[in-house]
Amino acid sequence: MTVLPYLVACWIFLVGCYGLVTSRDLIHAVGCLAVTQSSTYVLLLAVGYRRDGTAPVFSDAPTDAPVVDPVVQALALTDIVVGATVTALLLALVIQLRKRHGTVDPDSLSELKG
């Protein structure tokens, strides 16, 4: 077992968080959020990886052959779909903010402060 995929997932997460913190544009922030969320893909794939594992189709494989966990793969696919949906929703909100206030700079949106 190697820790490299976990380190890569952590690095992607930190890069995305850094972009979120330093962003001065809401579109850039949504992109950085998508990068942050994509670190979970790597994490899920690292959890589900099994050396010399095959797909869990048992019609051709011997019963003692190592197989990968299909639940983790299903979670990764669900994560991708949810991530794309959230990104699309946030970009739609940014477009509406741009139409109503004329800017996507979070500091210029002082009208939204409570």
PDB file of N, CA and C in Angstrom:
ATOM      1  N   MET A   1       0.853  -1.183   0.000  1.00  0.00           N
ATOM      2  CA  MET A   1       0.000   0.000   0.000  1.00  0.00           C
ATOM      3  C   MET A   1       0.893   1.239   0.000  1.00  0.00           C
ATOM      4  N   THR A   2       0.590   2.160  -0.856  1.00  0.00           N
ATOM      5  CA  THR A   2       1.368   3.386  -0.951  1.00  0.00           C
ATOM      6  C   THR A   2       0.526   4.573  -0.507  1.00  0.00           C
ATOM      7  N   VAL A   3       1.202   5.584  -0.041  1.00  0.00           N
ATOM      8  CA  VAL A   3       0.494   6.776   0.438  1.00  0.00           C
ATOM      9  C   VAL A   3       0.456   7.862  -0.616  1.00  0.00           C
ATOM     10  N   LEU A   4       1.068   7.606  -1.778  1.00  0.00           N
ATOM     11  CA  LEU A   4       1.135   8.630  -2.819  1.00  0.00           C
ATOM     12  C   LEU A   4      -0.238   9.140  -3.254  1.00  0.00           C
ATOM     13  N   PRO A   5      -1.225   8.280  -3.510  1.00  0.00           N
ATOM     14  CA  PRO A   5      -2.543   8.821  -3.909  1.00  0.00           C
ATOM     15  C   PRO A   5      -3.166   9.690  -2.823  1.00  0.00           C
ATOM     16  N   TYR A   6      -2.950   9.336  -1.583  1.00  0.00           N
ATOM     17  CA  TYR A   6      -3.502  10.140  -0.489  1.00  0.00           C
ATOM     18  C   TYR A   6      -2.816  11.503  -0.419  1.00  0.00           C
ATOM     19  N   LEU A   7      -1.508  11.505  -0.665  1.00  0.00           N
ATOM     20  CA  LEU A   7      -0.780  12.782  -0.689  1.00  0.00           C
ATOM     21  C   LEU A   7      -1.220  13.647  -1.861  1.00  0.00           C
ATOM     22  N   VAL A   8      -1.463  13.017  -3.001  1.00  0.00           N
ATOM     23  CA  VAL A   8      -1.944  13.762  -4.176  1.00  0.00           C
ATOM     24  C   VAL A   8      -3.326  14.351  -3.894  1.00  0.00           C
ATOM     25  N   ALA A   9      -4.194  13.563  -3.273  1.00  0.00           N
ATOM     26  CA  ALA A   9      -5.531  14.069  -2.927  1.00  0.00           C
ATOM     27  C   ALA A   9      -5.417  15.241  -1.954  1.00  0.00           C
ATOM     28  N   CYS A  10      -4.536  15.139  -0.989  1.00  0.00           N
ATOM     29  CA  CYS A  10      -4.337  16.229  -0.027  1.00  0.00           C
ATOM     30  C   CYS A  10      -3.784  17.466  -0.728  1.00  0.00           C
ATOM     31  N   TRP A  11      -2.854  17.270  -1.653  1.00  0.00           N
ATOM     32  CA  TRP A  11      -2.269  18.407  -2.375  1.00  0.00           C
ATOM     33  C   TRP A  11      -3.327  19.104  -3.233  1.00  0.00           C
ATOM     34  N   ILE A  12      -4.133  18.327  -3.934  1.00  0.00           N
ATOM     35  CA  ILE A  12      -5.197  18.922  -4.759  1.00  0.00           C
ATOM     36  C   ILE A  12      -6.171  19.694  -3.879  1.00  0.00           C
ATOM     37  N   PHE A  13      -6.511  19.125  -2.731  1.00  0.00           N
ATOM     38  CA  PHE A  13      -7.422  19.801  -1.806  1.00  0.00           C
ATOM     39  C   PHE A  13      -6.830  21.131  -1.323  1.00  0.00           C
ATOM     40  N   LEU A  14      -5.551  21.111  -0.961  1.00  0.00           N
ATOM     41  CA  LEU A  14      -4.912  22.337  -0.468  1.00  0.00           C
ATOM     42  C   LEU A  14      -4.789  23.391  -1.568  1.00  0.00           C
ATOM     43  N   VAL A  15      -4.485  22.975  -2.780  1.00  0.00           N
ATOM     44  CA  VAL A  15      -4.402  23.923  -3.902  1.00  0.00           C
ATOM     45  C   VAL A  15      -5.761  24.572  -4.146  1.00  0.00           C
ATOM     46  N   GLY A  16      -6.813  23.761  -4.108  1.00  0.00           N
ATOM     47  CA  GLY A  16      -8.153  24.311  -4.290  1.00  0.00           C
ATOM     48  C   GLY A  16      -8.533  25.268  -3.169  1.00  0.00           C
ATOM     49  N   CYS A  17      -8.194  24.908  -1.931  1.00  0.00           N
ATOM     50  CA  CYS A  17      -8.498  25.797  -0.791  1.00  0.00           C
ATOM     51  C   CYS A  17      -7.706  27.098  -0.894  1.00  0.00           C
ATOM     52  N   TYR A  18      -6.456  27.014  -1.321  1.00  0.00           N
ATOM     53  CA  TYR A  18      -5.662  28.228  -1.492  1.00  0.00           C
ATOM     54  C   TYR A  18      -6.296  29.141  -2.537  1.00  0.00           C
ATOM     55  N   GLY A  19      -6.754  28.541  -3.627  1.00  0.00           N
ATOM     56  CA  GLY A  19      -7.424  29.333  -4.660  1.00  0.00           C
ATOM     57  C   GLY A  19      -8.709  29.962  -4.156  1.00  0.00           C
ATOM     58  N   LEU A  20      -9.444  29.238  -3.323  1.00  0.00           N
ATOM     59  CA  LEU A  20     -10.674  29.796  -2.754  1.00  0.00           C
ATOM     60  C   LEU A  20     -10.374  30.994  -1.865  1.00  0.00           C
ATOM     61  N   VAL A  21      -9.352  30.873  -1.057  1.00  0.00           N
ATOM     62  CA  VAL A  21      -9.030  31.932  -0.104  1.00  0.00           C
ATOM     63  C   VAL A  21      -8.517  33.182  -0.817  1.00  0.00           C
ATOM     64  N   THR A  22      -7.741  32.994  -1.857  1.00  0.00           N
ATOM     65  CA  THR A  22      -7.119  34.137  -2.527  1.00  0.00           C
ATOM     66  C   THR A  22      -7.918  34.654  -3.715  1.00  0.00           C
ATOM     67  N   SER A  23      -9.074  34.078  -3.973  1.00  0.00           N
ATOM     68  CA  SER A  23      -9.849  34.449  -5.152  1.00  0.00           C
ATOM     69  C   SER A  23     -10.491  35.825  -4.994  1.00  0.00           C
ATOM     70  N   ARG A  24     -10.454  36.612  -6.058  1.00  0.00           N
ATOM     71  CA  ARG A  24     -11.108  37.919  -6.104  1.00  0.00           C
ATOM     72  C   ARG A  24     -12.179  37.941  -7.174  1.00  0.00           C
ATOM     73  N   ASP A  25     -12.582  36.773  -7.618  1.00  0.00           N
ATOM     74  CA  ASP A  25     -13.583  36.633  -8.664  1.00  0.00           C
ATOM     75  C   ASP A  25     -14.431  35.407  -8.325  1.00  0.00           C
ATOM     76  N   LEU A  26     -15.741  35.557  -8.388  1.00  0.00           N
ATOM     77  CA  LEU A  26     -16.605  34.444  -7.997  1.00  0.00           C
ATOM     78  C   LEU A  26     -16.514  33.268  -8.966  1.00  0.00           C
ATOM     79  N   ILE A  27     -16.279  33.544 -10.241  1.00  0.00           N
ATOM     80  CA  ILE A  27     -16.118  32.448 -11.202  1.00  0.00           C
ATOM     81  C   ILE A  27     -14.854  31.654 -10.893  1.00  0.00           C
ATOM     82  N   HIS A  28     -13.793  32.370 -10.548  1.00  0.00           N
ATOM     83  CA  HIS A  28     -12.556  31.718 -10.144  1.00  0.00           C
ATOM     84  C   HIS A  28     -12.773  30.909  -8.874  1.00  0.00           C
ATOM     85  N   ALA A  29     -13.561  31.438  -7.959  1.00  0.00           N
ATOM     86  CA  ALA A  29     -13.842  30.723  -6.713  1.00  0.00           C
ATOM     87  C   ALA A  29     -14.619  29.440  -6.976  1.00  0.00           C
ATOM     88  N   VAL A  30     -15.561  29.484  -7.912  1.00  0.00           N
ATOM     89  CA  VAL A  30     -16.310  28.274  -8.253  1.00  0.00           C
ATOM     90  C   VAL A  30     -15.373  27.236  -8.882  1.00  0.00           C
ATOM     91  N   GLY A  31     -14.470  27.684  -9.720  1.00  0.00           N
ATOM     92  CA  GLY A  31     -13.483  26.772 -10.309  1.00  0.00           C
ATOM     93  C   GLY A  31     -12.592  26.147  -9.258  1.00  0.00           C
ATOM     94  N   CYS A  32     -12.174  26.959  -8.302  1.00  0.00           N
ATOM     95  CA  CYS A  32     -11.328  26.435  -7.222  1.00  0.00           C
ATOM     96  C   CYS A  32     -12.111  25.461  -6.340  1.00  0.00           C
ATOM     97  N   LEU A  33     -13.389  25.726  -6.158  1.00  0.00           N
ATOM     98  CA  LEU A  33     -14.221  24.792  -5.400  1.00  0.00           C
ATOM     99  C   LEU A  33     -14.330  23.458  -6.136  1.00  0.00           C
ATOM    100  N   ALA A  34     -14.420  23.507  -7.456  1.00  0.00           N
ATOM    101  CA  ALA A  34     -14.468  22.274  -8.243  1.00  0.00           C
ATOM    102  C   ALA A  34     -13.154  21.507  -8.127  1.00  0.00           C
ATOM    103  N   VAL A  35     -12.033  22.235  -8.103  1.00  0.00           N
ATOM    104  CA  VAL A  35     -10.732  21.576  -7.922  1.00  0.00           C
ATOM    105  C   VAL A  35     -10.667  20.935  -6.541  1.00  0.00           C
ATOM    106  N   THR A  36     -11.131  21.655  -5.531  1.00  0.00           N
ATOM    107  CA  THR A  36     -11.132  21.113  -4.173  1.00  0.00           C
ATOM    108  C   THR A  36     -11.979  19.852  -4.104  1.00  0.00           C
ATOM    109  N   GLN A  37     -13.125  19.909  -4.747  1.00  0.00           N
ATOM    110  CA  GLN A  37     -14.016  18.765  -4.718  1.00  0.00           C
ATOM    111  C   GLN A  37     -13.434  17.592  -5.506  1.00  0.00           C
ATOM    112  N   SER A  38     -12.626  17.871  -6.521  1.00  0.00           N
ATOM    113  CA  SER A  38     -12.053  16.784  -7.310  1.00  0.00           C
ATOM    114  C   SER A  38     -11.011  15.992  -6.526  1.00  0.00           C
ATOM    115  N   SER A  39     -10.531  16.530  -5.432  1.00  0.00           N
ATOM    116  CA  SER A  39      -9.604  15.756  -4.610  1.00  0.00           C
ATOM    117  C   SER A  39     -10.296  14.534  -4.021  1.00  0.00           C
ATOM    118  N   THR A  40     -11.603  14.606  -3.869  1.00  0.00           N
ATOM    119  CA  THR A  40     -12.315  13.442  -3.347  1.00  0.00           C
ATOM    120  C   THR A  40     -12.341  12.304  -4.357  1.00  0.00           C
ATOM    121  N   TYR A  41     -12.246  12.635  -5.661  1.00  0.00           N
ATOM    122  CA  TYR A  41     -12.191  11.565  -6.664  1.00  0.00           C
ATOM    123  C   TYR A  41     -10.922  10.732  -6.454  1.00  0.00           C
ATOM    124  N   VAL A  42      -9.825  11.442  -6.285  1.00  0.00           N
ATOM    125  CA  VAL A  42      -8.552  10.749  -6.097  1.00  0.00           C
ATOM    126  C   VAL A  42      -8.582   9.952  -4.792  1.00  0.00           C
ATOM    127  N   LEU A  43      -9.154  10.546  -3.758  1.00  0.00           N
ATOM    128  CA  LEU A  43      -9.232   9.855  -2.477  1.00  0.00           C
ATOM    129  C   LEU A  43     -10.081   8.588  -2.589  1.00  0.00           C
ATOM    130  N   LEU A  44     -11.232   8.681  -3.242  1.00  0.00           N
ATOM    131  CA  LEU A  44     -12.083   7.499  -3.387  1.00  0.00           C
ATOM    132  C   LEU A  44     -11.412   6.432  -4.249  1.00  0.00           C
ATOM    133  N   LEU A  45     -10.735   6.856  -5.300  1.00  0.00           N
ATOM    134  CA  LEU A  45     -10.046   5.872  -6.139  1.00  0.00           C
ATOM    135  C   LEU A  45      -8.901   5.224  -5.382  1.00  0.00           C
ATOM    136  N   ALA A  46      -8.231   5.980  -4.518  1.00  0.00           N
ATOM    137  CA  ALA A  46      -7.151   5.408  -3.721  1.00  0.00           C
ATOM    138  C   ALA A  46      -7.690   4.396  -2.714  1.00  0.00           C
ATOM    139  N   VAL A  47      -8.844   4.698  -2.153  1.00  0.00           N
ATOM    140  CA  VAL A  47      -9.434   3.767  -1.190  1.00  0.00           C
ATOM    141  C   VAL A  47      -9.865   2.480  -1.888  1.00  0.00           C
ATOM    142  N   GLY A  48     -10.423   2.595  -3.088  1.00  0.00           N
ATOM    143  CA  GLY A  48     -10.953   1.434  -3.772  1.00  0.00           C
ATOM    144  C   GLY A  48      -9.939   0.655  -4.594  1.00  0.00           C
ATOM    145  N   TYR A  49      -8.718   1.188  -4.738  1.00  0.00           N
ATOM    146  CA  TYR A  49      -7.723   0.519  -5.570  1.00  0.00           C
ATOM    147  C   TYR A  49      -7.247  -0.764  -4.904  1.00  0.00           C
ATOM    148  N   ARG A  50      -7.094  -1.770  -5.704  1.00  0.00           N
ATOM    149  CA  ARG A  50      -6.552  -3.036  -5.210  1.00  0.00           C
ATOM    150  C   ARG A  50      -5.598  -3.563  -6.265  1.00  0.00           C
ATOM    151  N   ARG A  51      -4.365  -3.801  -5.850  1.00  0.00           N
ATOM    152  CA  ARG A  51      -3.343  -4.244  -6.792  1.00  0.00           C
ATOM    153  C   ARG A  51      -3.749  -5.563  -7.439  1.00  0.00           C
ATOM    154  N   ASP A  52      -3.613  -5.620  -8.749  1.00  0.00           N
ATOM    155  CA  ASP A  52      -3.968  -6.797  -9.557  1.00  0.00           C
ATOM    156  C   ASP A  52      -5.442  -7.160  -9.435  1.00  0.00           C
ATOM    157  N   GLY A  53      -6.258  -6.198  -9.031  1.00  0.00           N
ATOM    158  CA  GLY A  53      -7.686  -6.458  -8.926  1.00  0.00           C
ATOM    159  C   GLY A  53      -8.359  -6.370 -10.282  1.00  0.00           C
ATOM    160  N   THR A  54      -9.407  -7.103 -10.418  1.00  0.00           N
ATOM    161  CA  THR A  54     -10.178  -7.073 -11.657  1.00  0.00           C
ATOM    162  C   THR A  54     -11.568  -6.530 -11.361  1.00  0.00           C
ATOM    163  N   ALA A  55     -12.304  -6.293 -12.412  1.00  0.00           N
ATOM    164  CA  ALA A  55     -13.687  -5.846 -12.247  1.00  0.00           C
ATOM    165  C   ALA A  55     -14.494  -6.950 -11.559  1.00  0.00           C
ATOM    166  N   PRO A  56     -15.455  -6.573 -10.739  1.00  0.00           N
ATOM    167  CA  PRO A  56     -16.200  -7.599  -9.992  1.00  0.00           C
ATOM    168  C   PRO A  56     -17.248  -8.308 -10.839  1.00  0.00           C
ATOM    169  N   VAL A  57     -16.795  -8.875 -11.930  1.00  0.00           N
ATOM    170  CA  VAL A  57     -17.659  -9.691 -12.782  1.00  0.00           C
ATOM    171  C   VAL A  57     -17.137 -11.117 -12.648  1.00  0.00           C
ATOM    172  N   PHE A  58     -17.916 -11.969 -12.068  1.00  0.00           N
ATOM    173  CA  PHE A  58     -17.422 -13.289 -11.689  1.00  0.00           C
ATOM    174  C   PHE A  58     -17.734 -14.370 -12.713  1.00  0.00           C
ATOM    175  N   SER A  59     -18.241 -14.013 -13.864  1.00  0.00           N
ATOM    176  CA  SER A  59     -18.564 -15.048 -14.834  1.00  0.00           C
ATOM    177  C   SER A  59     -17.311 -15.654 -15.458  1.00  0.00           C
ATOM    178  N   ASP A  60     -16.245 -14.838 -15.659  1.00  0.00           N
ATOM    179  CA  ASP A  60     -15.030 -15.342 -16.287  1.00  0.00           C
ATOM    180  C   ASP A  60     -13.890 -15.531 -15.295  1.00  0.00           C
ATOM    181  N   ALA A  61     -13.885 -14.803 -14.185  1.00  0.00           N
ATOM    182  CA  ALA A  61     -12.771 -14.836 -13.255  1.00  0.00           C
ATOM    183  C   ALA A  61     -12.937 -15.994 -12.269  1.00  0.00           C
ATOM    184  N   PRO A  62     -11.807 -16.551 -11.839  1.00  0.00           N
ATOM    185  CA  PRO A  62     -11.911 -17.564 -10.776  1.00  0.00           C
ATOM    186  C   PRO A  62     -12.391 -16.904  -9.483  1.00  0.00           C
ATOM    187  N   THR A  63     -12.990 -17.665  -8.622  1.00  0.00           N
ATOM    188  CA  THR A  63     -13.606 -17.098  -7.415  1.00  0.00           C
ATOM    189  C   THR A  63     -12.588 -16.563  -6.425  1.00  0.00           C
ATOM    190  N   ASP A  64     -11.328 -17.000  -6.502  1.00  0.00           N
ATOM    191  CA  ASP A  64     -10.327 -16.497  -5.560  1.00  0.00           C
ATOM    192  C   ASP A  64      -9.532 -15.315  -6.116  1.00  0.00           C
ATOM    193  N   ALA A  65      -9.884 -14.812  -7.294  1.00  0.00           N
ATOM    194  CA  ALA A  65      -9.179 -13.671  -7.893  1.00  0.00           C
ATOM    195  C   ALA A  65      -9.550 -12.393  -7.139  1.00  0.00           C
ATOM    196  N   PRO A  66      -8.543 -11.521  -6.884  1.00  0.00           N
ATOM    197  CA  PRO A  66      -8.865 -10.264  -6.195  1.00  0.00           C
ATOM    198  C   PRO A  66      -9.692  -9.350  -7.107  1.00  0.00           C
ATOM    199  N   VAL A  67     -10.697  -8.748  -6.537  1.00  0.00           N
ATOM    200  CA  VAL A  67     -11.556  -7.829  -7.287  1.00  0.00           C
ATOM    201  C   VAL A  67     -11.574  -6.483  -6.588  1.00  0.00           C
ATOM    202  N   VAL A  68     -11.844  -5.458  -7.348  1.00  0.00           N
ATOM    203  CA  VAL A  68     -11.940  -4.119  -6.768  1.00  0.00           C
ATOM    204  C   VAL A  68     -13.322  -3.954  -6.151  1.00  0.00           C
ATOM    205  N   ASP A  69     -13.432  -2.976  -5.258  1.00  0.00           N
ATOM    206  CA  ASP A  69     -14.690  -2.737  -4.566  1.00  0.00           C
ATOM    207  C   ASP A  69     -15.603  -1.892  -5.466  1.00  0.00           C
ATOM    208  N   PRO A  70     -16.733  -2.412  -5.906  1.00  0.00           N
ATOM    209  CA  PRO A  70     -17.595  -1.639  -6.795  1.00  0.00           C
ATOM    210  C   PRO A  70     -18.323  -0.502  -6.087  1.00  0.00           C
ATOM    211  N   VAL A  71     -18.448  -0.578  -4.783  1.00  0.00           N
ATOM    212  CA  VAL A  71     -19.144   0.487  -4.047  1.00  0.00           C
ATOM    213  C   VAL A  71     -18.351   1.785  -4.118  1.00  0.00           C
ATOM    214  N   VAL A  72     -17.042   1.682  -4.009  1.00  0.00           N
ATOM    215  CA  VAL A  72     -16.208   2.888  -4.069  1.00  0.00           C
ATOM    216  C   VAL A  72     -16.261   3.496  -5.462  1.00  0.00           C
ATOM    217  N   GLN A  73     -16.278   2.654  -6.479  1.00  0.00           N
ATOM    218  CA  GLN A  73     -16.399   3.176  -7.845  1.00  0.00           C
ATOM    219  C   GLN A  73     -17.738   3.871  -8.041  1.00  0.00           C
ATOM    220  N   ALA A  74     -18.791   3.303  -7.480  1.00  0.00           N
ATOM    221  CA  ALA A  74     -20.113   3.935  -7.588  1.00  0.00           C
ATOM    222  C   ALA A  74     -20.123   5.266  -6.837  1.00  0.00           C
ATOM    223  N   LEU A  75     -19.455   5.306  -5.699  1.00  0.00           N
ATOM    224  CA  LEU A  75     -19.371   6.567  -4.948  1.00  0.00           C
ATOM    225  C   LEU A  75     -18.606   7.623  -5.731  1.00  0.00           C
ATOM    226  N   ALA A  76     -17.534   7.215  -6.416  1.00  0.00           N
ATOM    227  CA  ALA A  76     -16.763   8.171  -7.215  1.00  0.00           C
ATOM    228  C   ALA A  76     -17.612   8.725  -8.361  1.00  0.00           C
ATOM    229  N   LEU A  77     -18.377   7.867  -9.007  1.00  0.00           N
ATOM    230  CA  LEU A  77     -19.246   8.344 -10.091  1.00  0.00           C
ATOM    231  C   LEU A  77     -20.327   9.276  -9.551  1.00  0.00           C
ATOM    232  N   THR A  78     -20.892   8.935  -8.407  1.00  0.00           N
ATOM    233  CA  THR A  78     -21.887   9.810  -7.786  1.00  0.00           C
ATOM    234  C   THR A  78     -21.266  11.142  -7.406  1.00  0.00           C
ATOM    235  N   ASP A  79     -20.043  11.096  -6.919  1.00  0.00           N
ATOM    236  CA  ASP A  79     -19.332  12.317  -6.552  1.00  0.00           C
ATOM    237  C   ASP A  79     -19.125  13.219  -7.769  1.00  0.00           C
ATOM    238  N   ILE A  80     -18.792  12.619  -8.893  1.00  0.00           N
ATOM    239  CA  ILE A  80     -18.586  13.402 -10.111  1.00  0.00           C
ATOM    240  C   ILE A  80     -19.890  14.069 -10.540  1.00  0.00           C
ATOM    241  N   VAL A  81     -20.974  13.333 -10.491  1.00  0.00           N
ATOM    242  CA  VAL A  81     -22.270  13.892 -10.905  1.00  0.00           C
ATOM    243  C   VAL A  81     -22.700  15.014  -9.967  1.00  0.00           C
ATOM    244  N   VAL A  82     -22.562  14.787  -8.673  1.00  0.00           N
ATOM    245  CA  VAL A  82     -22.940  15.824  -7.705  1.00  0.00           C
ATOM    246  C   VAL A  82     -22.041  17.051  -7.865  1.00  0.00           C
ATOM    247  N   GLY A  83     -20.760  16.825  -8.086  1.00  0.00           N
ATOM    248  CA  GLY A  83     -19.838  17.944  -8.271  1.00  0.00           C
ATOM    249  C   GLY A  83     -20.174  18.775  -9.500  1.00  0.00           C
ATOM    250  N   ALA A  84     -20.518  18.109 -10.595  1.00  0.00           N
ATOM    251  CA  ALA A  84     -20.888  18.843 -11.810  1.00  0.00           C
ATOM    252  C   ALA A  84     -22.174  19.628 -11.587  1.00  0.00           C
ATOM    253  N   THR A  85     -23.102  19.044 -10.860  1.00  0.00           N
ATOM    254  CA  THR A  85     -24.367  19.727 -10.591  1.00  0.00           C
ATOM    255  C   THR A  85     -24.160  20.949  -9.715  1.00  0.00           C
ATOM    256  N   VAL A  86     -23.376  20.801  -8.678  1.00  0.00           N
ATOM    257  CA  VAL A  86     -23.116  21.927  -7.773  1.00  0.00           C
ATOM    258  C   VAL A  86     -22.376  23.043  -8.512  1.00  0.00           C
ATOM    259  N   THR A  87     -21.410  22.661  -9.344  1.00  0.00           N
ATOM    260  CA  THR A  87     -20.679  23.669 -10.110  1.00  0.00           C
ATOM    261  C   THR A  87     -21.613  24.414 -11.062  1.00  0.00           C
ATOM    262  N   ALA A  88     -22.488  23.704 -11.730  1.00  0.00           N
ATOM    263  CA  ALA A  88     -23.439  24.361 -12.637  1.00  0.00           C
ATOM    264  C   ALA A  88     -24.373  25.288 -11.875  1.00  0.00           C
ATOM    265  N   LEU A  89     -24.841  24.863 -10.719  1.00  0.00           N
ATOM    266  CA  LEU A  89     -25.727  25.702  -9.919  1.00  0.00           C
ATOM    267  C   LEU A  89     -25.014  26.964  -9.440  1.00  0.00           C
ATOM    268  N   LEU A  90     -23.781  26.809  -8.972  1.00  0.00           N
ATOM    269  CA  LEU A  90     -23.037  27.979  -8.502  1.00  0.00           C
ATOM    270  C   LEU A  90     -22.721  28.944  -9.639  1.00  0.00           C
ATOM    271  N   LEU A  91     -22.400  28.417 -10.812  1.00  0.00           N
ATOM    272  CA  LEU A  91     -22.141  29.300 -11.948  1.00  0.00           C
ATOM    273  C   LEU A  91     -23.410  30.036 -12.372  1.00  0.00           C
ATOM    274  N   ALA A  92     -24.555  29.365 -12.265  1.00  0.00           N
ATOM    275  CA  ALA A  92     -25.819  30.047 -12.567  1.00  0.00           C
ATOM    276  C   ALA A  92     -26.071  31.177 -11.563  1.00  0.00           C
ATOM    277  N   LEU A  93     -25.750  30.940 -10.304  1.00  0.00           N
ATOM    278  CA  LEU A  93     -25.897  32.004  -9.296  1.00  0.00           C
ATOM    279  C   LEU A  93     -24.951  33.166  -9.565  1.00  0.00           C
ATOM    280  N   VAL A  94     -23.747  32.860 -10.001  1.00  0.00           N
ATOM    281  CA  VAL A  94     -22.789  33.921 -10.324  1.00  0.00           C
ATOM    282  C   VAL A  94     -23.288  34.747 -11.505  1.00  0.00           C
ATOM    283  N   ILE A  95     -23.868  34.084 -12.486  1.00  0.00           N
ATOM    284  CA  ILE A  95     -24.424  34.809 -13.638  1.00  0.00           C
ATOM    285  C   ILE A  95     -25.545  35.746 -13.195  1.00  0.00           C
ATOM    286  N   GLN A  96     -26.396  35.266 -12.305  1.00  0.00           N
ATOM    287  CA  GLN A  96     -27.477  36.114 -11.810  1.00  0.00           C
ATOM    288  C   GLN A  96     -26.939  37.295 -10.996  1.00  0.00           C
ATOM    289  N   LEU A  97     -25.899  37.063 -10.200  1.00  0.00           N
ATOM    290  CA  LEU A  97     -25.262  38.166  -9.473  1.00  0.00           C
ATOM    291  C   LEU A  97     -24.685  39.189 -10.429  1.00  0.00           C
ATOM    292  N   ARG A  98     -24.057  38.722 -11.500  1.00  0.00           N
ATOM    293  CA  ARG A  98     -23.472  39.626 -12.494  1.00  0.00           C
ATOM    294  C   ARG A  98     -24.562  40.453 -13.169  1.00  0.00           C
ATOM    295  N   LYS A  99     -25.697  39.825 -13.455  1.00  0.00           N
ATOM    296  CA  LYS A  99     -26.785  40.552 -14.111  1.00  0.00           C
ATOM    297  C   LYS A  99     -27.381  41.603 -13.175  1.00  0.00           C
ATOM    298  N   ARG A 100     -27.513  41.280 -11.900  1.00  0.00           N
ATOM    299  CA  ARG A 100     -28.187  42.202 -10.978  1.00  0.00           C
ATOM    300  C   ARG A 100     -27.280  43.286 -10.420  1.00  0.00           C
ATOM    301  N   HIS A 101     -26.001  42.940 -10.199  1.00  0.00           N
ATOM    302  CA  HIS A 101     -25.106  43.885  -9.548  1.00  0.00           C
ATOM    303  C   HIS A 101     -23.966  44.370 -10.440  1.00  0.00           C
ATOM    304  N   GLY A 102     -23.773  43.744 -11.596  1.00  0.00           N
ATOM    305  CA  GLY A 102     -22.769  44.214 -12.534  1.00  0.00           C
ATOM    306  C   GLY A 102     -21.344  43.853 -12.189  1.00  0.00           C
ATOM    307  N   THR A 103     -21.119  42.982 -11.230  1.00  0.00           N
ATOM    308  CA  THR A 103     -19.769  42.589 -10.864  1.00  0.00           C
ATOM    309  C   THR A 103     -19.782  41.177 -10.301  1.00  0.00           C
ATOM    310  N   VAL A 104     -18.630  40.532 -10.374  1.00  0.00           N
ATOM    311  CA  VAL A 104     -18.455  39.224  -9.748  1.00  0.00           C
ATOM    312  C   VAL A 104     -17.363  39.280  -8.689  1.00  0.00           C
ATOM    313  N   ASP A 105     -16.942  40.494  -8.339  1.00  0.00           N
ATOM    314  CA  ASP A 105     -15.948  40.670  -7.284  1.00  0.00           C
ATOM    315  C   ASP A 105     -16.655  40.610  -5.931  1.00  0.00           C
ATOM    316  N   PRO A 106     -16.299  39.668  -5.070  1.00  0.00           N
ATOM    317  CA  PRO A 106     -17.006  39.545  -3.794  1.00  0.00           C
ATOM    318  C   PRO A 106     -16.857  40.786  -2.911  1.00  0.00           C
ATOM    319  N   ASP A 107     -15.753  41.507  -3.034  1.00  0.00           N
ATOM    320  CA  ASP A 107     -15.574  42.710  -2.214  1.00  0.00           C
ATOM    321  C   ASP A 107     -16.474  43.856  -2.676  1.00  0.00           C
ATOM    322  N   SER A 108     -16.838  43.852  -3.953  1.00  0.00           N
ATOM    323  CA  SER A 108     -17.693  44.917  -4.477  1.00  0.00           C
ATOM    324  C   SER A 108     -19.173  44.677  -4.214  1.00  0.00           C
ATOM    325  N   LEU A 109     -19.513  43.517  -3.729  1.00  0.00           N
ATOM    326  CA  LEU A 109     -20.911  43.193  -3.470  1.00  0.00           C
ATOM    327  C   LEU A 109     -21.269  43.582  -2.035  1.00  0.00           C
ATOM    328  N   SER A 110     -21.063  44.840  -1.718  1.00  0.00           N
ATOM    329  CA  SER A 110     -21.321  45.301  -0.350  1.00  0.00           C
ATOM    330  C   SER A 110     -22.809  45.310  -0.026  1.00  0.00           C
ATOM    331  N   GLU A 111     -23.664  45.355  -1.041  1.00  0.00           N
ATOM    332  CA  GLU A 111     -25.106  45.347  -0.805  1.00  0.00           C
ATOM    333  C   GLU A 111     -25.571  44.026  -0.204  1.00  0.00           C
ATOM    334  N   LEU A 112     -24.796  42.968  -0.412  1.00  0.00           N
ATOM    335  CA  LEU A 112     -25.194  41.662   0.087  1.00  0.00           C
ATOM    336  C   LEU A 112     -24.765  41.421   1.529  1.00  0.00           C
ATOM    337  N   LYS A 113     -23.950  42.341   2.073  1.00  0.00           N
ATOM    338  CA  LYS A 113     -23.499  42.156   3.454  1.00  0.00           C
ATOM    339  C   LYS A 113     -24.658  42.425   4.403  1.00  0.00           C
ATOM    340  N   GLY A 114     -24.690  41.660   5.479  1.00  0.00           N
ATOM    341  CA  GLY A 114     -25.797  41.766   6.419  1.00  0.00           C
ATOM    342  C   GLY A 114     -25.693  42.881   7.399  1.00  0.00           C
TER     343      GLY A 114
END
